[in-house]
């Protein structure tokens, strides 16, 4: 009974707030003409990089720990992409379906879902590590993810240009420079950064609901969808847990990294699938199902990580 009570408390205190605010975003998009892509651009180009900048400048992490977390996040995503590719080849699925399996299995909702979840469950220090993982995920999504979605048609030059368009890249480099030189921001700028960073997480959760409202469920490719959801919600956090050993992550970093690895499929994979003319119904189905089922896997995961 005590264990069940603990699981319920974890769900109610950490997952329920995200689900409720996401539901508010869903209803907002359903009943009002909200331009979700514009909200997404504000979040991606302004609020998210400011949040990462604020987390790094306010943290006490040394450069070595930041680099380690970046490499850990990139490794988790790369391994899951490779595993999904192998599973898809074994299933002998068509090329387009194979691309969708790789995208939906490798890339989780580390921003909209992962950052607030880590903050609620493990606190400010863990949120700093989660922010670094989010940067790694953003970089991988805008390079490896774009290459995968383009079915190999993207040139190296275009891949590098996609990398340079990720604003969080500049935020992390600027933050590291300021920390390295021991500078402090002027009060007006520091307060502006603090205000924007404070609004980033709730905006991300609302955006999750808005994007889910725009998505459409499709029952086609049910077997492939189930495999993708399993890889994302079960295999990905187990992989991250295993990788935390060779990367020698401390307890807080492990809590953040494994949680970020176990979140449902990134909504941005729908955008990539649409942009590169893939079957968006399969990707959308994985996003929907993994999001709906995520409390069933994340609740015990948070329980185990918190022990």
C-alpha atoms as a PDB file:
ATOM      1  CA  UNK A   1       0.000   0.000   0.000  1.00  0.00           C
ATOM      2  CA  UNK A   2       2.842   2.385   0.808  1.00  0.00           C
ATOM      3  CA  UNK A   3       4.379   1.808  -2.623  1.00  0.00           C
ATOM      4  CA  UNK A   4       1.044   2.404  -4.356  1.00  0.00           C
ATOM      5  CA  UNK A   5       0.567   5.567  -2.331  1.00  0.00           C
ATOM      6  CA  UNK A   6       4.026   6.714  -3.372  1.00  0.00           C
ATOM      7  CA  UNK A   7       3.262   6.077  -7.044  1.00  0.00           C
ATOM      8  CA  UNK A   8      -0.016   7.992  -6.795  1.00  0.00           C
ATOM      9  CA  UNK A   9       1.700  10.938  -5.129  1.00  0.00           C
ATOM     10  CA  UNK A  10       4.349  11.019  -7.862  1.00  0.00           C
ATOM     11  CA  UNK A  11       1.676  10.995 -10.556  1.00  0.00           C
ATOM     12  CA  UNK A  12      -0.460  13.641  -8.843  1.00  0.00           C
ATOM     13  CA  UNK A  13       2.368  16.005  -7.940  1.00  0.00           C
ATOM     14  CA  UNK A  14       4.601  15.699 -11.008  1.00  0.00           C
ATOM     15  CA  UNK A  15       2.627  14.464 -14.007  1.00  0.00           C
ATOM     16  CA  UNK A  16      -0.864  15.762 -13.289  1.00  0.00           C
ATOM     17  CA  UNK A  17       0.120  19.475 -13.401  1.00  0.00           C
ATOM     18  CA  UNK A  18       1.639  18.953 -16.856  1.00  0.00           C
ATOM     19  CA  UNK A  19      -1.388  17.027 -18.101  1.00  0.00           C
ATOM     20  CA  UNK A  20      -3.818  19.641 -16.762  1.00  0.00           C
ATOM     21  CA  UNK A  21      -2.003  22.594 -18.321  1.00  0.00           C
ATOM     22  CA  UNK A  22      -1.534  20.643 -21.541  1.00  0.00           C
ATOM     23  CA  UNK A  23      -5.277  19.917 -21.544  1.00  0.00           C
ATOM     24  CA  UNK A  24      -5.877  23.657 -21.203  1.00  0.00           C
ATOM     25  CA  UNK A  25      -3.741  24.197 -24.317  1.00  0.00           C
ATOM     26  CA  UNK A  26      -5.647  21.450 -26.115  1.00  0.00           C
ATOM     27  CA  UNK A  27      -9.012  23.056 -25.297  1.00  0.00           C
ATOM     28  CA  UNK A  28      -7.699  26.502 -26.190  1.00  0.00           C
ATOM     29  CA  UNK A  29      -6.726  25.285 -29.643  1.00  0.00           C
ATOM     30  CA  UNK A  30     -10.025  23.446 -30.064  1.00  0.00           C
ATOM     31  CA  UNK A  31     -12.343  26.361 -29.297  1.00  0.00           C
ATOM     32  CA  UNK A  32     -10.283  29.390 -30.342  1.00  0.00           C
ATOM     33  CA  UNK A  33      -8.308  30.199 -33.517  1.00  0.00           C
ATOM     34  CA  UNK A  34      -4.856  30.011 -31.919  1.00  0.00           C
ATOM     35  CA  UNK A  35      -1.891  30.017 -34.319  1.00  0.00           C
ATOM     36  CA  UNK A  36       0.105  27.148 -32.825  1.00  0.00           C
ATOM     37  CA  UNK A  37       3.055  27.449 -35.268  1.00  0.00           C
ATOM     38  CA  UNK A  38       3.568  31.071 -34.213  1.00  0.00           C
ATOM     39  CA  UNK A  39       3.485  30.065 -30.539  1.00  0.00           C
ATOM     40  CA  UNK A  40       5.994  27.373 -31.368  1.00  0.00           C
ATOM     41  CA  UNK A  41       8.331  29.877 -33.019  1.00  0.00           C
ATOM     42  CA  UNK A  42       8.179  32.199 -30.003  1.00  0.00           C
ATOM     43  CA  UNK A  43       9.008  29.264 -27.755  1.00  0.00           C
ATOM     44  CA  UNK A  44      11.771  27.882 -29.963  1.00  0.00           C
ATOM     45  CA  UNK A  45      13.496  31.138 -30.907  1.00  0.00           C
ATOM     46  CA  UNK A  46      13.001  33.198 -27.733  1.00  0.00           C
ATOM     47  CA  UNK A  47      11.822  31.436 -24.582  1.00  0.00           C
ATOM     48  CA  UNK A  48      13.686  28.113 -24.867  1.00  0.00           C
ATOM     49  CA  UNK A  49      17.159  29.588 -25.497  1.00  0.00           C
ATOM     50  CA  UNK A  50      16.638  32.155 -22.744  1.00  0.00           C
ATOM     51  CA  UNK A  51      15.635  29.361 -20.363  1.00  0.00           C
ATOM     52  CA  UNK A  52      18.788  27.387 -21.222  1.00  0.00           C
ATOM     53  CA  UNK A  53      20.910  30.538 -20.861  1.00  0.00           C
ATOM     54  CA  UNK A  54      19.374  31.296 -17.473  1.00  0.00           C
ATOM     55  CA  UNK A  55      19.808  27.738 -16.196  1.00  0.00           C
ATOM     56  CA  UNK A  56      23.484  27.669 -17.115  1.00  0.00           C
ATOM     57  CA  UNK A  57      24.379  31.134 -15.834  1.00  0.00           C
ATOM     58  CA  UNK A  58      22.583  30.493 -12.546  1.00  0.00           C
ATOM     59  CA  UNK A  59      24.028  27.018 -12.036  1.00  0.00           C
ATOM     60  CA  UNK A  60      27.259  25.989 -10.360  1.00  0.00           C
ATOM     61  CA  UNK A  61      28.135  23.342 -12.964  1.00  0.00           C
ATOM     62  CA  UNK A  62      31.684  23.216 -14.257  1.00  0.00           C
ATOM     63  CA  UNK A  63      32.379  22.994 -17.996  1.00  0.00           C
ATOM     64  CA  UNK A  64      33.287  19.300 -17.779  1.00  0.00           C
ATOM     65  CA  UNK A  65      29.875  18.339 -16.396  1.00  0.00           C
ATOM     66  CA  UNK A  66      28.097  20.356 -19.090  1.00  0.00           C
ATOM     67  CA  UNK A  67      30.064  18.665 -21.882  1.00  0.00           C
ATOM     68  CA  UNK A  68      29.474  15.243 -20.312  1.00  0.00           C
ATOM     69  CA  UNK A  69      25.720  15.832 -20.221  1.00  0.00           C
ATOM     70  CA  UNK A  70      25.695  17.019 -23.837  1.00  0.00           C
ATOM     71  CA  UNK A  71      27.540  13.880 -24.936  1.00  0.00           C
ATOM     72  CA  UNK A  72      25.276  11.681 -22.816  1.00  0.00           C
ATOM     73  CA  UNK A  73      22.136  13.138 -24.415  1.00  0.00           C
ATOM     74  CA  UNK A  74      23.530  12.856 -27.940  1.00  0.00           C
ATOM     75  CA  UNK A  75      24.615   9.262 -27.274  1.00  0.00           C
ATOM     76  CA  UNK A  76      21.180   8.241 -25.960  1.00  0.00           C
ATOM     77  CA  UNK A  77      19.503   9.629 -29.081  1.00  0.00           C
ATOM     78  CA  UNK A  78      22.029   8.125 -31.510  1.00  0.00           C
ATOM     79  CA  UNK A  79      21.773   4.660 -29.918  1.00  0.00           C
ATOM     80  CA  UNK A  80      17.978   4.743 -30.016  1.00  0.00           C
ATOM     81  CA  UNK A  81      18.042   5.823 -33.673  1.00  0.00           C
ATOM     82  CA  UNK A  82      20.339   2.894 -34.508  1.00  0.00           C
ATOM     83  CA  UNK A  83      18.226   0.436 -32.488  1.00  0.00           C
ATOM     84  CA  UNK A  84      15.006   1.639 -34.148  1.00  0.00           C
ATOM     85  CA  UNK A  85      16.629   1.271 -37.575  1.00  0.00           C
ATOM     86  CA  UNK A  86      17.638  -2.318 -36.831  1.00  0.00           C
ATOM     87  CA  UNK A  87      14.182  -3.190 -35.503  1.00  0.00           C
ATOM     88  CA  UNK A  88      12.554  -1.649 -38.556  1.00  0.00           C
ATOM     89  CA  UNK A  89      14.822  -3.612 -40.898  1.00  0.00           C
ATOM     90  CA  UNK A  90      14.014  -6.841 -39.034  1.00  0.00           C
ATOM     91  CA  UNK A  91      10.306  -6.054 -39.434  1.00  0.00           C
ATOM     92  CA  UNK A  92      10.934  -5.462 -43.151  1.00  0.00           C
ATOM     93  CA  UNK A  93       8.834  -2.302 -43.202  1.00  0.00           C
ATOM     94  CA  UNK A  94       8.804   0.052 -46.207  1.00  0.00           C
ATOM     95  CA  UNK A  95      11.431   2.790 -46.340  1.00  0.00           C
ATOM     96  CA  UNK A  96       9.018   5.579 -45.386  1.00  0.00           C
ATOM     97  CA  UNK A  97       7.710   3.627 -42.389  1.00  0.00           C
ATOM     98  CA  UNK A  98      11.308   2.854 -41.382  1.00  0.00           C
ATOM     99  CA  UNK A  99      12.139   6.561 -41.316  1.00  0.00           C
ATOM    100  CA  UNK A 100       9.069   7.213 -39.161  1.00  0.00           C
ATOM    101  CA  UNK A 101      10.091   4.477 -36.686  1.00  0.00           C
ATOM    102  CA  UNK A 102      13.565   5.984 -36.318  1.00  0.00           C
ATOM    103  CA  UNK A 103      12.288   9.537 -35.847  1.00  0.00           C
ATOM    104  CA  UNK A 104       9.592   8.687 -33.315  1.00  0.00           C
ATOM    105  CA  UNK A 105      11.777   6.300 -31.307  1.00  0.00           C
ATOM    106  CA  UNK A 106      14.869   8.496 -31.103  1.00  0.00           C
ATOM    107  CA  UNK A 107      13.453  11.934 -30.310  1.00  0.00           C
ATOM    108  CA  UNK A 108      11.473  12.628 -27.144  1.00  0.00           C
ATOM    109  CA  UNK A 109       9.542  15.688 -26.001  1.00  0.00           C
ATOM    110  CA  UNK A 110      12.463  16.802 -23.834  1.00  0.00           C
ATOM    111  CA  UNK A 111      11.401  20.457 -23.855  1.00  0.00           C
ATOM    112  CA  UNK A 112       7.613  20.679 -23.622  1.00  0.00           C
ATOM    113  CA  UNK A 113       7.291  17.635 -21.393  1.00  0.00           C
ATOM    114  CA  UNK A 114      10.701  16.766 -19.972  1.00  0.00           C
ATOM    115  CA  UNK A 115      11.810  20.102 -18.515  1.00  0.00           C
ATOM    116  CA  UNK A 116       8.720  20.733 -16.350  1.00  0.00           C
ATOM    117  CA  UNK A 117       8.614  17.071 -15.312  1.00  0.00           C
ATOM    118  CA  UNK A 118      12.234  17.103 -14.121  1.00  0.00           C
ATOM    119  CA  UNK A 119      11.664  20.433 -12.368  1.00  0.00           C
ATOM    120  CA  UNK A 120       8.648  19.138 -10.452  1.00  0.00           C
ATOM    121  CA  UNK A 121      10.186  15.783  -9.601  1.00  0.00           C
ATOM    122  CA  UNK A 122      13.810  16.594  -8.778  1.00  0.00           C
ATOM    123  CA  UNK A 123      14.254  20.359  -8.389  1.00  0.00           C
ATOM    124  CA  UNK A 124      16.383  23.188  -9.757  1.00  0.00           C
ATOM    125  CA  UNK A 125      19.766  21.442 -10.008  1.00  0.00           C
ATOM    126  CA  UNK A 126      18.241  18.559 -11.952  1.00  0.00           C
ATOM    127  CA  UNK A 127      16.475  21.090 -14.180  1.00  0.00           C
ATOM    128  CA  UNK A 128      19.876  22.529 -15.124  1.00  0.00           C
ATOM    129  CA  UNK A 129      21.054  19.097 -16.280  1.00  0.00           C
ATOM    130  CA  UNK A 130      17.739  18.579 -18.077  1.00  0.00           C
ATOM    131  CA  UNK A 131      18.231  21.898 -19.856  1.00  0.00           C
ATOM    132  CA  UNK A 132      21.593  20.683 -21.165  1.00  0.00           C
ATOM    133  CA  UNK A 133      19.993  17.421 -22.325  1.00  0.00           C
ATOM    134  CA  UNK A 134      17.316  19.535 -24.049  1.00  0.00           C
ATOM    135  CA  UNK A 135      20.051  21.433 -25.910  1.00  0.00           C
ATOM    136  CA  UNK A 136      21.636  18.148 -27.035  1.00  0.00           C
ATOM    137  CA  UNK A 137      18.221  16.903 -28.178  1.00  0.00           C
ATOM    138  CA  UNK A 138      17.543  20.122 -30.104  1.00  0.00           C
ATOM    139  CA  UNK A 139      20.904  19.906 -31.845  1.00  0.00           C
ATOM    140  CA  UNK A 140      20.382  16.255 -32.777  1.00  0.00           C
ATOM    141  CA  UNK A 141      16.821  16.855 -33.974  1.00  0.00           C
ATOM    142  CA  UNK A 142      17.910  19.708 -36.221  1.00  0.00           C
ATOM    143  CA  UNK A 143      20.829  17.781 -37.706  1.00  0.00           C
ATOM    144  CA  UNK A 144      20.426  14.007 -37.466  1.00  0.00           C
ATOM    145  CA  UNK A 145      16.628  14.290 -37.378  1.00  0.00           C
ATOM    146  CA  UNK A 146      16.517  16.459 -40.493  1.00  0.00           C
ATOM    147  CA  UNK A 147      18.902  14.107 -42.328  1.00  0.00           C
ATOM    148  CA  UNK A 148      16.766  11.074 -41.394  1.00  0.00           C
ATOM    149  CA  UNK A 149      13.523  12.788 -42.387  1.00  0.00           C
ATOM    150  CA  UNK A 150      14.969  13.858 -45.738  1.00  0.00           C
ATOM    151  CA  UNK A 151      15.716  10.178 -46.599  1.00  0.00           C
ATOM    152  CA  UNK A 152      19.348  10.984 -47.315  1.00  0.00           C
ATOM    153  CA  UNK A 153      18.610  13.819 -49.766  1.00  0.00           C
ATOM    154  CA  UNK A 154      20.107  16.506 -47.513  1.00  0.00           C
ATOM    155  CA  UNK A 155      23.628  17.728 -48.256  1.00  0.00           C
ATOM    156  CA  UNK A 156      26.280  18.166 -45.571  1.00  0.00           C
ATOM    157  CA  UNK A 157      26.094  21.921 -46.127  1.00  0.00           C
ATOM    158  CA  UNK A 158      22.335  21.995 -45.472  1.00  0.00           C
ATOM    159  CA  UNK A 159      22.776  19.843 -42.364  1.00  0.00           C
ATOM    160  CA  UNK A 160      25.333  22.299 -40.990  1.00  0.00           C
ATOM    161  CA  UNK A 161      23.051  25.225 -41.816  1.00  0.00           C
ATOM    162  CA  UNK A 162      20.227  23.511 -39.913  1.00  0.00           C
ATOM    163  CA  UNK A 163      22.572  23.128 -36.954  1.00  0.00           C
ATOM    164  CA  UNK A 164      23.442  26.838 -37.050  1.00  0.00           C
ATOM    165  CA  UNK A 165      19.756  27.782 -37.003  1.00  0.00           C
ATOM    166  CA  UNK A 166      19.220  26.295 -33.526  1.00  0.00           C
ATOM    167  CA  UNK A 167      19.111  29.333 -31.196  1.00  0.00           C
ATOM    168  CA  UNK A 168      19.865  27.253 -28.097  1.00  0.00           C
ATOM    169  CA  UNK A 169      23.353  26.646 -29.548  1.00  0.00           C
ATOM    170  CA  UNK A 170      24.197  30.329 -29.219  1.00  0.00           C
ATOM    171  CA  UNK A 171      22.537  30.534 -25.819  1.00  0.00           C
ATOM    172  CA  UNK A 172      24.724  27.784 -24.375  1.00  0.00           C
ATOM    173  CA  UNK A 173      27.951  29.183 -25.844  1.00  0.00           C
ATOM    174  CA  UNK A 174      27.148  32.697 -24.586  1.00  0.00           C
ATOM    175  CA  UNK A 175      26.270  31.361 -21.138  1.00  0.00           C
ATOM    176  CA  UNK A 176      29.503  29.370 -20.946  1.00  0.00           C
ATOM    177  CA  UNK A 177      31.498  32.446 -21.968  1.00  0.00           C
ATOM    178  CA  UNK A 178      29.867  34.575 -19.264  1.00  0.00           C
ATOM    179  CA  UNK A 179      30.420  31.899 -16.617  1.00  0.00           C
ATOM    180  CA  UNK A 180      34.013  31.367 -17.738  1.00  0.00           C
ATOM    181  CA  UNK A 181      34.847  35.090 -17.574  1.00  0.00           C
ATOM    182  CA  UNK A 182      32.964  35.613 -14.309  1.00  0.00           C
ATOM    183  CA  UNK A 183      30.739  38.334 -15.712  1.00  0.00           C
ATOM    184  CA  UNK A 184      27.376  39.334 -14.263  1.00  0.00           C
ATOM    185  CA  UNK A 185      24.478  40.699 -16.271  1.00  0.00           C
ATOM    186  CA  UNK A 186      23.255  44.274 -15.702  1.00  0.00           C
ATOM    187  CA  UNK A 187      20.155  44.318 -13.490  1.00  0.00           C
ATOM    188  CA  UNK A 188      17.664  45.254 -16.268  1.00  0.00           C
ATOM    189  CA  UNK A 189      18.974  42.474 -18.534  1.00  0.00           C
ATOM    190  CA  UNK A 190      19.109  39.952 -15.687  1.00  0.00           C
ATOM    191  CA  UNK A 191      15.497  40.666 -14.784  1.00  0.00           C
ATOM    192  CA  UNK A 192      14.388  40.408 -18.409  1.00  0.00           C
ATOM    193  CA  UNK A 193      16.105  37.009 -18.701  1.00  0.00           C
ATOM    194  CA  UNK A 194      14.520  35.863 -15.437  1.00  0.00           C
ATOM    195  CA  UNK A 195      11.037  36.921 -16.589  1.00  0.00           C
ATOM    196  CA  UNK A 196      11.340  35.156 -19.943  1.00  0.00           C
ATOM    197  CA  UNK A 197      12.820  32.013 -18.388  1.00  0.00           C
ATOM    198  CA  UNK A 198       9.959  31.875 -15.893  1.00  0.00           C
ATOM    199  CA  UNK A 199       7.422  31.875 -18.716  1.00  0.00           C
ATOM    200  CA  UNK A 200       9.195  29.291 -20.864  1.00  0.00           C
ATOM    201  CA  UNK A 201       8.068  26.120 -19.086  1.00  0.00           C
ATOM    202  CA  UNK A 202       4.324  26.900 -18.877  1.00  0.00           C
ATOM    203  CA  UNK A 203       4.384  28.064 -22.501  1.00  0.00           C
ATOM    204  CA  UNK A 204       6.006  24.775 -23.508  1.00  0.00           C
ATOM    205  CA  UNK A 205       3.273  22.781 -21.791  1.00  0.00           C
ATOM    206  CA  UNK A 206       0.506  24.860 -23.383  1.00  0.00           C
ATOM    207  CA  UNK A 207       2.197  24.400 -26.758  1.00  0.00           C
ATOM    208  CA  UNK A 208       2.182  20.627 -26.244  1.00  0.00           C
ATOM    209  CA  UNK A 209      -1.603  20.720 -25.863  1.00  0.00           C
ATOM    210  CA  UNK A 210      -1.991  23.021 -28.880  1.00  0.00           C
ATOM    211  CA  UNK A 211       0.077  20.723 -31.071  1.00  0.00           C
ATOM    212  CA  UNK A 212      -1.750  17.589 -29.920  1.00  0.00           C
ATOM    213  CA  UNK A 213      -5.053  19.264 -30.758  1.00  0.00           C
ATOM    214  CA  UNK A 214      -3.854  19.842 -34.315  1.00  0.00           C
ATOM    215  CA  UNK A 215      -2.658  16.263 -34.737  1.00  0.00           C
ATOM    216  CA  UNK A 216      -4.950  13.562 -36.092  1.00  0.00           C
ATOM    217  CA  UNK A 217      -5.037   9.932 -34.979  1.00  0.00           C
ATOM    218  CA  UNK A 218      -4.820   7.238 -37.646  1.00  0.00           C
ATOM    219  CA  UNK A 219      -5.236   3.508 -36.991  1.00  0.00           C
ATOM    220  CA  UNK A 220      -3.033   2.453 -39.904  1.00  0.00           C
ATOM    221  CA  UNK A 221       0.359   0.831 -39.196  1.00  0.00           C
ATOM    222  CA  UNK A 222      -0.814  -0.213 -35.719  1.00  0.00           C
ATOM    223  CA  UNK A 223       1.941  -2.799 -35.259  1.00  0.00           C
ATOM    224  CA  UNK A 224       4.662  -0.342 -36.256  1.00  0.00           C
ATOM    225  CA  UNK A 225       3.149   2.311 -33.986  1.00  0.00           C
ATOM    226  CA  UNK A 226       3.161  -0.046 -30.993  1.00  0.00           C
ATOM    227  CA  UNK A 227       6.819  -0.925 -31.635  1.00  0.00           C
ATOM    228  CA  UNK A 228       7.757   2.766 -31.815  1.00  0.00           C
ATOM    229  CA  UNK A 229       5.913   3.528 -28.582  1.00  0.00           C
ATOM    230  CA  UNK A 230       7.648   0.613 -26.835  1.00  0.00           C
ATOM    231  CA  UNK A 231      11.070   1.814 -27.981  1.00  0.00           C
ATOM    232  CA  UNK A 232      10.351   5.382 -26.874  1.00  0.00           C
ATOM    233  CA  UNK A 233       8.767   4.733 -23.465  1.00  0.00           C
ATOM    234  CA  UNK A 234      10.528   1.522 -22.378  1.00  0.00           C
ATOM    235  CA  UNK A 235      13.744   0.951 -24.303  1.00  0.00           C
ATOM    236  CA  UNK A 236      14.921   4.585 -24.322  1.00  0.00           C
ATOM    237  CA  UNK A 237      14.983   5.145 -20.523  1.00  0.00           C
ATOM    238  CA  UNK A 238      16.555   1.705 -19.981  1.00  0.00           C
ATOM    239  CA  UNK A 239      19.257   2.622 -22.504  1.00  0.00           C
ATOM    240  CA  UNK A 240      19.853   5.924 -20.718  1.00  0.00           C
ATOM    241  CA  UNK A 241      20.055   4.158 -17.381  1.00  0.00           C
ATOM    242  CA  UNK A 242      22.706   1.835 -18.757  1.00  0.00           C
ATOM    243  CA  UNK A 243      24.659   4.703 -20.332  1.00  0.00           C
ATOM    244  CA  UNK A 244      24.677   6.647 -17.068  1.00  0.00           C
ATOM    245  CA  UNK A 245      27.281   4.168 -15.753  1.00  0.00           C
ATOM    246  CA  UNK A 246      30.072   4.675 -18.332  1.00  0.00           C
ATOM    247  CA  UNK A 247      29.365   8.420 -18.328  1.00  0.00           C
ATOM    248  CA  UNK A 248      29.709   8.361 -14.531  1.00  0.00           C
ATOM    249  CA  UNK A 249      26.712  10.653 -13.971  1.00  0.00           C
ATOM    250  CA  UNK A 250      26.014  11.782 -10.432  1.00  0.00           C
ATOM    251  CA  UNK A 251      22.599  11.106  -8.906  1.00  0.00           C
ATOM    252  CA  UNK A 252      21.013  14.387  -9.988  1.00  0.00           C
ATOM    253  CA  UNK A 253      22.353  14.179 -13.546  1.00  0.00           C
ATOM    254  CA  UNK A 254      21.169  10.578 -13.817  1.00  0.00           C
ATOM    255  CA  UNK A 255      17.696  11.517 -12.596  1.00  0.00           C
ATOM    256  CA  UNK A 256      17.469  14.307 -15.171  1.00  0.00           C
ATOM    257  CA  UNK A 257      18.987  12.378 -18.064  1.00  0.00           C
ATOM    258  CA  UNK A 258      17.014   9.166 -17.646  1.00  0.00           C
ATOM    259  CA  UNK A 259      13.754  11.073 -17.150  1.00  0.00           C
ATOM    260  CA  UNK A 260      14.390  13.138 -20.284  1.00  0.00           C
ATOM    261  CA  UNK A 261      15.092   9.923 -22.192  1.00  0.00           C
ATOM    262  CA  UNK A 262      11.773   8.401 -21.100  1.00  0.00           C
ATOM    263  CA  UNK A 263       9.403  11.165 -22.236  1.00  0.00           C
ATOM    264  CA  UNK A 264       6.946  10.576 -25.107  1.00  0.00           C
ATOM    265  CA  UNK A 265       7.739  11.259 -28.755  1.00  0.00           C
ATOM    266  CA  UNK A 266       8.546  14.858 -29.690  1.00  0.00           C
ATOM    267  CA  UNK A 267       5.743  16.807 -31.337  1.00  0.00           C
ATOM    268  CA  UNK A 268       8.415  18.274 -33.646  1.00  0.00           C
ATOM    269  CA  UNK A 269       8.656  14.905 -35.411  1.00  0.00           C
ATOM    270  CA  UNK A 270       5.232  15.644 -36.918  1.00  0.00           C
ATOM    271  CA  UNK A 271       6.616  18.904 -38.296  1.00  0.00           C
ATOM    272  CA  UNK A 272       9.625  17.099 -39.804  1.00  0.00           C
ATOM    273  CA  UNK A 273       7.432  14.378 -41.301  1.00  0.00           C
ATOM    274  CA  UNK A 274       5.195  16.986 -42.924  1.00  0.00           C
ATOM    275  CA  UNK A 275       8.122  19.076 -44.157  1.00  0.00           C
ATOM    276  CA  UNK A 276       9.746  16.115 -45.928  1.00  0.00           C
ATOM    277  CA  UNK A 277       6.533  14.573 -47.280  1.00  0.00           C
ATOM    278  CA  UNK A 278       6.479  11.465 -45.069  1.00  0.00           C
ATOM    279  CA  UNK A 279       3.359   9.618 -43.886  1.00  0.00           C
ATOM    280  CA  UNK A 280       2.400  11.940 -41.042  1.00  0.00           C
ATOM    281  CA  UNK A 281      -0.424   9.638 -39.886  1.00  0.00           C
ATOM    282  CA  UNK A 282       2.076   7.098 -38.524  1.00  0.00           C
ATOM    283  CA  UNK A 283       4.130   9.760 -36.751  1.00  0.00           C
ATOM    284  CA  UNK A 284       1.030  11.432 -35.339  1.00  0.00           C
ATOM    285  CA  UNK A 285      -0.282   8.114 -34.029  1.00  0.00           C
ATOM    286  CA  UNK A 286       2.983   7.507 -32.143  1.00  0.00           C
ATOM    287  CA  UNK A 287       2.963  11.030 -30.676  1.00  0.00           C
ATOM    288  CA  UNK A 288      -0.635  10.588 -29.496  1.00  0.00           C
ATOM    289  CA  UNK A 289      -0.244   7.087 -28.088  1.00  0.00           C
ATOM    290  CA  UNK A 290       3.110   7.689 -26.404  1.00  0.00           C
ATOM    291  CA  UNK A 291       1.794  10.866 -24.761  1.00  0.00           C
ATOM    292  CA  UNK A 292      -1.355   9.168 -23.515  1.00  0.00           C
ATOM    293  CA  UNK A 293       0.537   6.141 -22.165  1.00  0.00           C
ATOM    294  CA  UNK A 294       3.510   8.052 -20.751  1.00  0.00           C
ATOM    295  CA  UNK A 295       2.095   8.412 -17.199  1.00  0.00           C
ATOM    296  CA  UNK A 296       2.038   4.600 -16.957  1.00  0.00           C
ATOM    297  CA  UNK A 297       5.791   4.380 -17.595  1.00  0.00           C
ATOM    298  CA  UNK A 298       7.040   7.681 -16.192  1.00  0.00           C
ATOM    299  CA  UNK A 299       5.352   7.305 -12.803  1.00  0.00           C
ATOM    300  CA  UNK A 300       7.268   4.125 -11.828  1.00  0.00           C
ATOM    301  CA  UNK A 301      10.406   5.529 -13.485  1.00  0.00           C
ATOM    302  CA  UNK A 302      10.303   8.646 -11.290  1.00  0.00           C
ATOM    303  CA  UNK A 303       9.635   6.445  -8.284  1.00  0.00           C
ATOM    304  CA  UNK A 304      12.724   4.326  -8.949  1.00  0.00           C
ATOM    305  CA  UNK A 305      14.957   7.304  -9.744  1.00  0.00           C
ATOM    306  CA  UNK A 306      13.887   9.063  -6.559  1.00  0.00           C
ATOM    307  CA  UNK A 307      14.782   6.182  -4.242  1.00  0.00           C
END
